[in-house]
């Protein structure tokens, strides 16, 4: 499963977060799990921080990535990918870098 593949969310939160974005490096494809970030419907997301809550486009829909909701899921539970958004990878990586930075405000 390539990094930045987008999968339909079939979990409880699928109405608010219709997609899951694989952010895990392809270096770890042998793992039985994938690190994902939910992509929330943009119309439901209140006051996003543009540098952190990245607005993305998936299948013509506007969605917002919330890095604070990152989690691991068994790879077998992911649906087939609907799209790969590697072309939006720089913004995704910058938001994840911000999440993991050692900066103090």
PDB file of N, CA and C in Angstrom:
ATOM      1  N   UNK A   1       0.842  -1.181   0.000  1.00  0.00           N
ATOM      2  CA  UNK A   1       0.000   0.000   0.000  1.00  0.00           C
ATOM      3  C   UNK A   1       0.882   1.237   0.000  1.00  0.00           C
ATOM      4  N   UNK A   2       0.896   1.937  -1.090  1.00  0.00           N
ATOM      5  CA  UNK A   2       1.757   3.114  -1.188  1.00  0.00           C
ATOM      6  C   UNK A   2       1.363   4.241  -0.225  1.00  0.00           C
ATOM      7  N   UNK A   3       2.397   4.973   0.169  1.00  0.00           N
ATOM      8  CA  UNK A   3       2.152   6.161   0.986  1.00  0.00           C
ATOM      9  C   UNK A   3       1.250   7.109   0.208  1.00  0.00           C
ATOM     10  N   UNK A   4       0.343   7.747   0.916  1.00  0.00           N
ATOM     11  CA  UNK A   4      -0.634   8.711   0.404  1.00  0.00           C
ATOM     12  C   UNK A   4      -1.768   8.062  -0.395  1.00  0.00           C
ATOM     13  N   UNK A   5      -1.931   6.739  -0.251  1.00  0.00           N
ATOM     14  CA  UNK A   5      -3.141   6.109  -0.766  1.00  0.00           C
ATOM     15  C   UNK A   5      -4.309   6.528   0.112  1.00  0.00           C
ATOM     16  N   UNK A   6      -5.453   6.735  -0.503  1.00  0.00           N
ATOM     17  CA  UNK A   6      -6.667   7.114   0.209  1.00  0.00           C
ATOM     18  C   UNK A   6      -7.642   5.940   0.121  1.00  0.00           C
ATOM     19  N   UNK A   7      -8.207   5.583   1.279  1.00  0.00           N
ATOM     20  CA  UNK A   7      -9.145   4.465   1.373  1.00  0.00           C
ATOM     21  C   UNK A   7     -10.463   4.973   1.960  1.00  0.00           C
ATOM     22  N   UNK A   8     -11.549   4.371   1.551  1.00  0.00           N
ATOM     23  CA  UNK A   8     -12.841   4.711   2.163  1.00  0.00           C
ATOM     24  C   UNK A   8     -12.823   4.269   3.622  1.00  0.00           C
ATOM     25  N   UNK A   9     -13.378   5.100   4.463  1.00  0.00           N
ATOM     26  CA  UNK A   9     -13.513   4.781   5.883  1.00  0.00           C
ATOM     27  C   UNK A   9     -14.826   4.011   6.058  1.00  0.00           C
ATOM     28  N   UNK A  10     -14.746   2.799   6.547  1.00  0.00           N
ATOM     29  CA  UNK A  10     -15.954   2.003   6.776  1.00  0.00           C
ATOM     30  C   UNK A  10     -16.246   1.892   8.280  1.00  0.00           C
ATOM     31  N   UNK A  11     -15.548   2.689   9.068  1.00  0.00           N
ATOM     32  CA  UNK A  11     -15.738   2.688  10.518  1.00  0.00           C
ATOM     33  C   UNK A  11     -16.890   3.571  10.956  1.00  0.00           C
ATOM     34  N   UNK A  12     -17.049   3.685  12.273  1.00  0.00           N
ATOM     35  CA  UNK A  12     -18.157   4.449  12.862  1.00  0.00           C
ATOM     36  C   UNK A  12     -18.193   5.908  12.412  1.00  0.00           C
ATOM     37  N   UNK A  13     -17.038   6.497  12.184  1.00  0.00           N
ATOM     38  CA  UNK A  13     -16.968   7.931  11.875  1.00  0.00           C
ATOM     39  C   UNK A  13     -17.016   8.229  10.378  1.00  0.00           C
ATOM     40  N   UNK A  14     -17.452   7.288   9.570  1.00  0.00           N
ATOM     41  CA  UNK A  14     -17.385   7.472   8.122  1.00  0.00           C
ATOM     42  C   UNK A  14     -18.213   8.646   7.601  1.00  0.00           C
ATOM     43  N   UNK A  15     -19.266   9.034   8.291  1.00  0.00           N
ATOM     44  CA  UNK A  15     -20.055  10.179   7.827  1.00  0.00           C
ATOM     45  C   UNK A  15     -19.255  11.483   7.940  1.00  0.00           C
ATOM     46  N   UNK A  16     -18.541  11.644   9.038  1.00  0.00           N
ATOM     47  CA  UNK A  16     -17.739  12.860   9.245  1.00  0.00           C
ATOM     48  C   UNK A  16     -16.381  12.762   8.564  1.00  0.00           C
ATOM     49  N   UNK A  17     -15.814  11.567   8.550  1.00  0.00           N
ATOM     50  CA  UNK A  17     -14.488  11.344   7.965  1.00  0.00           C
ATOM     51  C   UNK A  17     -14.603  10.216   6.938  1.00  0.00           C
ATOM     52  N   UNK A  18     -14.965  10.548   5.712  1.00  0.00           N
ATOM     53  CA  UNK A  18     -15.241   9.499   4.730  1.00  0.00           C
ATOM     54  C   UNK A  18     -14.008   8.749   4.211  1.00  0.00           C
ATOM     55  N   UNK A  19     -12.815   9.278   4.485  1.00  0.00           N
ATOM     56  CA  UNK A  19     -11.601   8.653   3.960  1.00  0.00           C
ATOM     57  C   UNK A  19     -10.532   8.518   5.036  1.00  0.00           C
ATOM     58  N   UNK A  20      -9.634   7.553   4.803  1.00  0.00           N
ATOM     59  CA  UNK A  20      -8.430   7.379   5.609  1.00  0.00           C
ATOM     60  C   UNK A  20      -7.232   7.513   4.681  1.00  0.00           C
ATOM     61  N   UNK A  21      -6.249   8.282   5.105  1.00  0.00           N
ATOM     62  CA  UNK A  21      -5.050   8.529   4.317  1.00  0.00           C
ATOM     63  C   UNK A  21      -3.877   7.768   4.923  1.00  0.00           C
ATOM     64  N   UNK A  22      -3.252   6.902   4.141  1.00  0.00           N
ATOM     65  CA  UNK A  22      -2.056   6.186   4.598  1.00  0.00           C
ATOM     66  C   UNK A  22      -0.885   7.157   4.561  1.00  0.00           C
ATOM     67  N   UNK A  23      -0.270   7.378   5.716  1.00  0.00           N
ATOM     68  CA  UNK A  23       0.879   8.286   5.782  1.00  0.00           C
ATOM     69  C   UNK A  23       2.179   7.540   6.065  1.00  0.00           C
ATOM     70  N   UNK A  24       2.076   6.286   6.336  1.00  0.00           N
ATOM     71  CA  UNK A  24       3.231   5.448   6.646  1.00  0.00           C
ATOM     72  C   UNK A  24       4.117   5.292   5.411  1.00  0.00           C
ATOM     73  N   UNK A  25       5.409   5.364   5.614  1.00  0.00           N
ATOM     74  CA  UNK A  25       6.360   5.185   4.531  1.00  0.00           C
ATOM     75  C   UNK A  25       6.247   3.783   3.947  1.00  0.00           C
ATOM     76  N   UNK A  26       6.479   3.689   2.648  1.00  0.00           N
ATOM     77  CA  UNK A  26       6.473   2.387   1.978  1.00  0.00           C
ATOM     78  C   UNK A  26       7.597   1.485   2.472  1.00  0.00           C
ATOM     79  N   UNK A  27       8.564   2.048   3.196  1.00  0.00           N
ATOM     80  CA  UNK A  27       9.631   1.232   3.783  1.00  0.00           C
ATOM     81  C   UNK A  27       9.081   0.196   4.756  1.00  0.00           C
ATOM     82  N   UNK A  28       7.878   0.443   5.269  1.00  0.00           N
ATOM     83  CA  UNK A  28       7.299  -0.433   6.284  1.00  0.00           C
ATOM     84  C   UNK A  28       6.113  -1.240   5.756  1.00  0.00           C
ATOM     85  N   UNK A  29       6.090  -1.493   4.457  1.00  0.00           N
ATOM     86  CA  UNK A  29       4.984  -2.249   3.866  1.00  0.00           C
ATOM     87  C   UNK A  29       4.875  -3.676   4.382  1.00  0.00           C
ATOM     88  N   UNK A  30       5.931  -4.219   4.943  1.00  0.00           N
ATOM     89  CA  UNK A  30       5.876  -5.580   5.484  1.00  0.00           C
ATOM     90  C   UNK A  30       5.076  -5.649   6.784  1.00  0.00           C
ATOM     91  N   UNK A  31       4.850  -4.510   7.381  1.00  0.00           N
ATOM     92  CA  UNK A  31       4.081  -4.458   8.623  1.00  0.00           C
ATOM     93  C   UNK A  31       2.634  -4.866   8.348  1.00  0.00           C
ATOM     94  N   UNK A  32       2.014  -5.486   9.333  1.00  0.00           N
ATOM     95  CA  UNK A  32       0.611  -5.896   9.195  1.00  0.00           C
ATOM     96  C   UNK A  32      -0.348  -4.737   9.444  1.00  0.00           C
ATOM     97  N   UNK A  33       0.198  -3.573   9.816  1.00  0.00           N
ATOM     98  CA  UNK A  33      -0.664  -2.418  10.075  1.00  0.00           C
ATOM     99  C   UNK A  33      -0.227  -1.238   9.218  1.00  0.00           C
ATOM    100  N   UNK A  34      -1.111  -0.246   9.156  1.00  0.00           N
ATOM    101  CA  UNK A  34      -0.819   0.986   8.441  1.00  0.00           C
ATOM    102  C   UNK A  34      -1.145   2.173   9.340  1.00  0.00           C
ATOM    103  N   UNK A  35      -0.286   3.175   9.317  1.00  0.00           N
ATOM    104  CA  UNK A  35      -0.543   4.414  10.040  1.00  0.00           C
ATOM    105  C   UNK A  35      -1.348   5.304   9.105  1.00  0.00           C
ATOM    106  N   UNK A  36      -2.510   5.730   9.603  1.00  0.00           N
ATOM    107  CA  UNK A  36      -3.433   6.512   8.782  1.00  0.00           C
ATOM    108  C   UNK A  36      -3.881   7.764   9.530  1.00  0.00           C
ATOM    109  N   UNK A  37      -4.359   8.725   8.757  1.00  0.00           N
ATOM    110  CA  UNK A  37      -4.962   9.935   9.308  1.00  0.00           C
ATOM    111  C   UNK A  37      -6.342  10.061   8.661  1.00  0.00           C
ATOM    112  N   UNK A  38      -7.388  10.265   9.469  1.00  0.00           N
ATOM    113  CA  UNK A  38      -8.704  10.451   8.869  1.00  0.00           C
ATOM    114  C   UNK A  38      -8.789  11.774   8.121  1.00  0.00           C
ATOM    115  N   UNK A  39      -9.554  11.751   7.041  1.00  0.00           N
ATOM    116  CA  UNK A  39      -9.819  12.958   6.258  1.00  0.00           C
ATOM    117  C   UNK A  39     -11.278  13.329   6.479  1.00  0.00           C
ATOM    118  N   UNK A  40     -11.485  14.473   7.112  1.00  0.00           N
ATOM    119  CA  UNK A  40     -12.819  14.927   7.495  1.00  0.00           C
ATOM    120  C   UNK A  40     -13.446  15.772   6.396  1.00  0.00           C
ATOM    121  N   UNK A  41     -14.744  15.693   6.279  1.00  0.00           N
ATOM    122  CA  UNK A  41     -15.461  16.569   5.348  1.00  0.00           C
ATOM    123  C   UNK A  41     -15.150  18.016   5.719  1.00  0.00           C
ATOM    124  N   UNK A  42     -14.761  18.795   4.747  1.00  0.00           N
ATOM    125  CA  UNK A  42     -14.366  20.180   5.006  1.00  0.00           C
ATOM    126  C   UNK A  42     -15.507  21.007   5.573  1.00  0.00           C
ATOM    127  N   UNK A  43     -16.742  20.713   5.161  1.00  0.00           N
ATOM    128  CA  UNK A  43     -17.880  21.500   5.645  1.00  0.00           C
ATOM    129  C   UNK A  43     -18.195  21.232   7.118  1.00  0.00           C
ATOM    130  N   UNK A  44     -17.647  20.169   7.671  1.00  0.00           N
ATOM    131  CA  UNK A  44     -17.878  19.854   9.081  1.00  0.00           C
ATOM    132  C   UNK A  44     -16.720  20.275   9.973  1.00  0.00           C
ATOM    133  N   UNK A  45     -15.618  20.668   9.377  1.00  0.00           N
ATOM    134  CA  UNK A  45     -14.412  20.964  10.147  1.00  0.00           C
ATOM    135  C   UNK A  45     -14.395  22.438  10.499  1.00  0.00           C
ATOM    136  N   UNK A  46     -14.374  22.743  11.771  1.00  0.00           N
ATOM    137  CA  UNK A  46     -14.423  24.120  12.253  1.00  0.00           C
ATOM    138  C   UNK A  46     -13.031  24.688  12.489  1.00  0.00           C
ATOM    139  N   UNK A  47     -12.795  25.869  12.006  1.00  0.00           N
ATOM    140  CA  UNK A  47     -11.586  26.662  12.227  1.00  0.00           C
ATOM    141  C   UNK A  47     -10.284  25.876  12.052  1.00  0.00           C
ATOM    142  N   UNK A  48     -10.052  25.392  10.849  1.00  0.00           N
ATOM    143  CA  UNK A  48      -8.785  24.688  10.642  1.00  0.00           C
ATOM    144  C   UNK A  48      -7.596  25.642  10.664  1.00  0.00           C
ATOM    145  N   UNK A  49      -6.480  25.164  11.155  1.00  0.00           N
ATOM    146  CA  UNK A  49      -5.210  25.876  11.073  1.00  0.00           C
ATOM    147  C   UNK A  49      -4.611  25.466   9.723  1.00  0.00           C
ATOM    148  N   UNK A  50      -4.516  26.376   8.759  1.00  0.00           N
ATOM    149  CA  UNK A  50      -4.135  25.997   7.390  1.00  0.00           C
ATOM    150  C   UNK A  50      -2.790  25.283   7.267  1.00  0.00           C
ATOM    151  N   UNK A  51      -1.837  25.562   8.146  1.00  0.00           N
ATOM    152  CA  UNK A  51      -0.548  24.883   8.074  1.00  0.00           C
ATOM    153  C   UNK A  51      -0.548  23.513   8.710  1.00  0.00           C
ATOM    154  N   UNK A  52      -1.578  23.233   9.480  1.00  0.00           N
ATOM    155  CA  UNK A  52      -1.635  21.969  10.218  1.00  0.00           C
ATOM    156  C   UNK A  52      -2.797  21.103   9.753  1.00  0.00           C
ATOM    157  N   UNK A  53      -3.961  21.691   9.633  1.00  0.00           N
ATOM    158  CA  UNK A  53      -5.151  20.978   9.146  1.00  0.00           C
ATOM    159  C   UNK A  53      -5.235  21.198   7.640  1.00  0.00           C
ATOM    160  N   UNK A  54      -4.544  20.370   6.906  1.00  0.00           N
ATOM    161  CA  UNK A  54      -4.383  20.556   5.472  1.00  0.00           C
ATOM    162  C   UNK A  54      -5.676  20.234   4.726  1.00  0.00           C
ATOM    163  N   UNK A  55      -6.076  21.159   3.865  1.00  0.00           N
ATOM    164  CA  UNK A  55      -7.235  20.922   2.995  1.00  0.00           C
ATOM    165  C   UNK A  55      -6.734  20.158   1.775  1.00  0.00           C
ATOM    166  N   UNK A  56      -7.356  19.023   1.510  1.00  0.00           N
ATOM    167  CA  UNK A  56      -6.971  18.154   0.406  1.00  0.00           C
ATOM    168  C   UNK A  56      -8.170  17.913  -0.500  1.00  0.00           C
ATOM    169  N   UNK A  57      -7.899  17.374  -1.675  1.00  0.00           N
ATOM    170  CA  UNK A  57      -8.976  17.071  -2.610  1.00  0.00           C
ATOM    171  C   UNK A  57      -8.904  15.598  -2.969  1.00  0.00           C
ATOM    172  N   UNK A  58     -10.003  14.886  -2.698  1.00  0.00           N
ATOM    173  CA  UNK A  58     -10.098  13.459  -2.969  1.00  0.00           C
ATOM    174  C   UNK A  58     -11.390  13.199  -3.735  1.00  0.00           C
ATOM    175  N   UNK A  59     -11.252  12.614  -4.889  1.00  0.00           N
ATOM    176  CA  UNK A  59     -12.408  12.296  -5.734  1.00  0.00           C
ATOM    177  C   UNK A  59     -13.345  13.502  -5.904  1.00  0.00           C
ATOM    178  N   UNK A  60     -12.755  14.673  -6.082  1.00  0.00           N
ATOM    179  CA  UNK A  60     -13.537  15.887  -6.287  1.00  0.00           C
ATOM    180  C   UNK A  60     -14.104  16.504  -5.023  1.00  0.00           C
ATOM    181  N   UNK A  61     -13.888  15.879  -3.886  1.00  0.00           N
ATOM    182  CA  UNK A  61     -14.409  16.395  -2.609  1.00  0.00           C
ATOM    183  C   UNK A  61     -13.302  17.110  -1.844  1.00  0.00           C
ATOM    184  N   UNK A  62     -13.679  18.153  -1.134  1.00  0.00           N
ATOM    185  CA  UNK A  62     -12.753  18.876  -0.274  1.00  0.00           C
ATOM    186  C   UNK A  62     -12.801  18.251   1.122  1.00  0.00           C
ATOM    187  N   UNK A  63     -11.635  17.831   1.602  1.00  0.00           N
ATOM    188  CA  UNK A  63     -11.531  17.203   2.924  1.00  0.00           C
ATOM    189  C   UNK A  63     -10.392  17.862   3.693  1.00  0.00           C
ATOM    190  N   UNK A  64     -10.388  17.676   5.006  1.00  0.00           N
ATOM    191  CA  UNK A  64      -9.358  18.260   5.863  1.00  0.00           C
ATOM    192  C   UNK A  64      -8.694  17.147   6.661  1.00  0.00           C
ATOM    193  N   UNK A  65      -7.367  17.128   6.621  1.00  0.00           N
ATOM    194  CA  UNK A  65      -6.589  16.160   7.390  1.00  0.00           C
ATOM    195  C   UNK A  65      -6.340  16.721   8.781  1.00  0.00           C
ATOM    196  N   UNK A  66      -6.649  15.924   9.802  1.00  0.00           N
ATOM    197  CA  UNK A  66      -6.366  16.332  11.180  1.00  0.00           C
ATOM    198  C   UNK A  66      -5.287  15.418  11.746  1.00  0.00           C
ATOM    199  N   UNK A  67      -4.018  15.851  11.712  1.00  0.00           N
ATOM    200  CA  UNK A  67      -2.929  15.006  12.181  1.00  0.00           C
ATOM    201  C   UNK A  67      -3.072  14.524  13.623  1.00  0.00           C
ATOM    202  N   UNK A  68      -3.820  15.252  14.444  1.00  0.00           N
ATOM    203  CA  UNK A  68      -3.993  14.827  15.837  1.00  0.00           C
ATOM    204  C   UNK A  68      -4.822  13.544  15.970  1.00  0.00           C
ATOM    205  N   UNK A  69      -5.460  13.131  14.885  1.00  0.00           N
ATOM    206  CA  UNK A  69      -6.286  11.920  14.899  1.00  0.00           C
ATOM    207  C   UNK A  69      -5.552  10.713  14.314  1.00  0.00           C
ATOM    208  N   UNK A  70      -4.249  10.793  14.165  1.00  0.00           N
ATOM    209  CA  UNK A  70      -3.446   9.725  13.574  1.00  0.00           C
ATOM    210  C   UNK A  70      -3.599   8.429  14.388  1.00  0.00           C
ATOM    211  N   UNK A  71      -3.644   7.301  13.688  1.00  0.00           N
ATOM    212  CA  UNK A  71      -3.722   6.008  14.371  1.00  0.00           C
ATOM    213  C   UNK A  71      -3.250   4.895  13.449  1.00  0.00           C
ATOM    214  N   UNK A  72      -3.074   3.714  13.999  1.00  0.00           N
ATOM    215  CA  UNK A  72      -2.695   2.536  13.216  1.00  0.00           C
ATOM    216  C   UNK A  72      -3.903   1.623  13.087  1.00  0.00           C
ATOM    217  N   UNK A  73      -3.999   0.976  11.934  1.00  0.00           N
ATOM    218  CA  UNK A  73      -5.108   0.078  11.641  1.00  0.00           C
ATOM    219  C   UNK A  73      -4.530  -1.156  10.954  1.00  0.00           C
ATOM    220  N   UNK A  74      -5.082  -2.329  11.210  1.00  0.00           N
ATOM    221  CA  UNK A  74      -4.605  -3.497  10.453  1.00  0.00           C
ATOM    222  C   UNK A  74      -4.800  -3.269   8.952  1.00  0.00           C
ATOM    223  N   UNK A  75      -3.784  -3.538   8.178  1.00  0.00           N
ATOM    224  CA  UNK A  75      -3.853  -3.321   6.735  1.00  0.00           C
ATOM    225  C   UNK A  75      -5.022  -4.096   6.115  1.00  0.00           C
ATOM    226  N   UNK A  76      -5.333  -5.238   6.654  1.00  0.00           N
ATOM    227  CA  UNK A  76      -6.423  -6.060   6.125  1.00  0.00           C
ATOM    228  C   UNK A  76      -7.790  -5.390   6.270  1.00  0.00           C
ATOM    229  N   UNK A  77      -7.904  -4.424   7.161  1.00  0.00           N
ATOM    230  CA  UNK A  77      -9.187  -3.733   7.362  1.00  0.00           C
ATOM    231  C   UNK A  77      -9.395  -2.564   6.400  1.00  0.00           C
ATOM    232  N   UNK A  78      -8.369  -2.209   5.658  1.00  0.00           N
ATOM    233  CA  UNK A  78      -8.509  -1.105   4.707  1.00  0.00           C
ATOM    234  C   UNK A  78      -9.184  -1.585   3.426  1.00  0.00           C
ATOM    235  N   UNK A  79     -10.065  -0.760   2.902  1.00  0.00           N
ATOM    236  CA  UNK A  79     -10.711  -1.044   1.626  1.00  0.00           C
ATOM    237  C   UNK A  79      -9.699  -0.804   0.500  1.00  0.00           C
ATOM    238  N   UNK A  80     -10.001  -1.222  -0.716  1.00  0.00           N
ATOM    239  CA  UNK A  80      -9.091  -0.888  -1.822  1.00  0.00           C
ATOM    240  C   UNK A  80      -8.946   0.628  -1.952  1.00  0.00           C
ATOM    241  N   UNK A  81      -7.772   1.090  -2.351  1.00  0.00           N
ATOM    242  CA  UNK A  81      -7.576   2.543  -2.472  1.00  0.00           C
ATOM    243  C   UNK A  81      -8.472   3.139  -3.558  1.00  0.00           C
ATOM    244  N   UNK A  82      -8.939   4.364  -3.286  1.00  0.00           N
ATOM    245  CA  UNK A  82      -9.770   5.075  -4.268  1.00  0.00           C
ATOM    246  C   UNK A  82      -8.947   6.093  -5.050  1.00  0.00           C
ATOM    247  N   UNK A  83      -7.806   6.474  -4.488  1.00  0.00           N
ATOM    248  CA  UNK A  83      -6.965   7.484  -5.125  1.00  0.00           C
ATOM    249  C   UNK A  83      -5.629   7.533  -4.394  1.00  0.00           C
ATOM    250  N   UNK A  84      -4.604   8.016  -5.069  1.00  0.00           N
ATOM    251  CA  UNK A  84      -3.331   8.313  -4.431  1.00  0.00           C
ATOM    252  C   UNK A  84      -3.112   9.806  -4.594  1.00  0.00           C
ATOM    253  N   UNK A  85      -2.806  10.492  -3.479  1.00  0.00           N
ATOM    254  CA  UNK A  85      -2.662  11.954  -3.532  1.00  0.00           C
ATOM    255  C   UNK A  85      -1.225  12.383  -3.235  1.00  0.00           C
ATOM    256  N   UNK A  86      -0.291  11.628  -3.789  1.00  0.00           N
ATOM    257  CA  UNK A  86       1.121  11.958  -3.618  1.00  0.00           C
ATOM    258  C   UNK A  86       1.437  13.360  -4.109  1.00  0.00           C
ATOM    259  N   UNK A  87       0.672  13.858  -5.069  1.00  0.00           N
ATOM    260  CA  UNK A  87       0.905  15.213  -5.574  1.00  0.00           C
ATOM    261  C   UNK A  87       0.637  16.272  -4.502  1.00  0.00           C
ATOM    262  N   UNK A  88      -0.047  15.898  -3.430  1.00  0.00           N
ATOM    263  CA  UNK A  88      -0.312  16.804  -2.309  1.00  0.00           C
ATOM    264  C   UNK A  88       0.582  16.457  -1.107  1.00  0.00           C
ATOM    265  N   UNK A  89       1.591  15.616  -1.359  1.00  0.00           N
ATOM    266  CA  UNK A  89       2.446  15.083  -0.307  1.00  0.00           C
ATOM    267  C   UNK A  89       3.256  16.105   0.463  1.00  0.00           C
ATOM    268  N   UNK A  90       3.683  17.191  -0.184  1.00  0.00           N
ATOM    269  CA  UNK A  90       4.497  18.177   0.528  1.00  0.00           C
ATOM    270  C   UNK A  90       3.710  18.810   1.678  1.00  0.00           C
ATOM    271  N   UNK A  91       2.461  19.166   1.438  1.00  0.00           N
ATOM    272  CA  UNK A  91       1.626  19.769   2.489  1.00  0.00           C
ATOM    273  C   UNK A  91       1.326  18.749   3.595  1.00  0.00           C
ATOM    274  N   UNK A  92       1.095  17.501   3.198  1.00  0.00           N
ATOM    275  CA  UNK A  92       0.816  16.442   4.177  1.00  0.00           C
ATOM    276  C   UNK A  92       2.030  16.231   5.069  1.00  0.00           C
ATOM    277  N   UNK A  93       3.200  16.098   4.462  1.00  0.00           N
ATOM    278  CA  UNK A  93       4.431  15.879   5.224  1.00  0.00           C
ATOM    279  C   UNK A  93       4.750  17.056   6.139  1.00  0.00           C
ATOM    280  N   UNK A  94       4.508  18.273   5.661  1.00  0.00           N
ATOM    281  CA  UNK A  94       4.773  19.456   6.494  1.00  0.00           C
ATOM    282  C   UNK A  94       3.894  19.450   7.735  1.00  0.00           C
ATOM    283  N   UNK A  95       2.629  19.062   7.589  1.00  0.00           N
ATOM    284  CA  UNK A  95       1.725  19.013   8.745  1.00  0.00           C
ATOM    285  C   UNK A  95       2.165  17.930   9.729  1.00  0.00           C
ATOM    286  N   UNK A  96       2.586  16.778   9.217  1.00  0.00           N
ATOM    287  CA  UNK A  96       3.055  15.705  10.098  1.00  0.00           C
ATOM    288  C   UNK A  96       4.358  16.105  10.779  1.00  0.00           C
ATOM    289  N   UNK A  97       5.227  16.799  10.063  1.00  0.00           N
ATOM    290  CA  UNK A  97       6.462  17.304  10.679  1.00  0.00           C
ATOM    291  C   UNK A  97       6.136  18.251  11.827  1.00  0.00           C
ATOM    292  N   UNK A  98       5.147  19.104  11.619  1.00  0.00           N
ATOM    293  CA  UNK A  98       4.743  20.036  12.674  1.00  0.00           C
ATOM    294  C   UNK A  98       4.224  19.273  13.897  1.00  0.00           C
ATOM    295  N   UNK A  99       3.446  18.233  13.664  1.00  0.00           N
ATOM    296  CA  UNK A  99       2.920  17.409  14.759  1.00  0.00           C
ATOM    297  C   UNK A  99       4.055  16.806  15.580  1.00  0.00           C
ATOM    298  N   UNK A 100       5.104  16.380  14.920  1.00  0.00           N
ATOM    299  CA  UNK A 100       6.180  15.646  15.584  1.00  0.00           C
ATOM    300  C   UNK A 100       7.378  16.509  15.952  1.00  0.00           C
ATOM    301  N   UNK A 101       7.305  17.803  15.671  1.00  0.00           N
ATOM    302  CA  UNK A 101       8.440  18.673  15.937  1.00  0.00           C
ATOM    303  C   UNK A 101       8.683  18.837  17.437  1.00  0.00           C
ATOM    304  N   UNK A 102       9.858  19.255  17.764  1.00  0.00           N
ATOM    305  CA  UNK A 102      10.221  19.485  19.156  1.00  0.00           C
ATOM    306  C   UNK A 102      10.127  20.969  19.495  1.00  0.00           C
ATOM    307  N   UNK A 103       9.455  21.722  18.677  1.00  0.00           N
ATOM    308  CA  UNK A 103       9.301  23.156  18.910  1.00  0.00           C
ATOM    309  C   UNK A 103       8.369  23.402  20.088  1.00  0.00           C
ATOM    310  N   UNK A 104       8.668  24.417  20.842  1.00  0.00           N
ATOM    311  CA  UNK A 104       7.825  24.788  21.981  1.00  0.00           C
ATOM    312  C   UNK A 104       7.308  26.190  21.759  1.00  0.00           C
ATOM    313  N   UNK A 105       6.036  26.347  21.984  1.00  0.00           N
ATOM    314  CA  UNK A 105       5.440  27.681  21.818  1.00  0.00           C
ATOM    315  C   UNK A 105       5.189  28.295  23.159  1.00  0.00           C
TER     316      UNK A 105
END
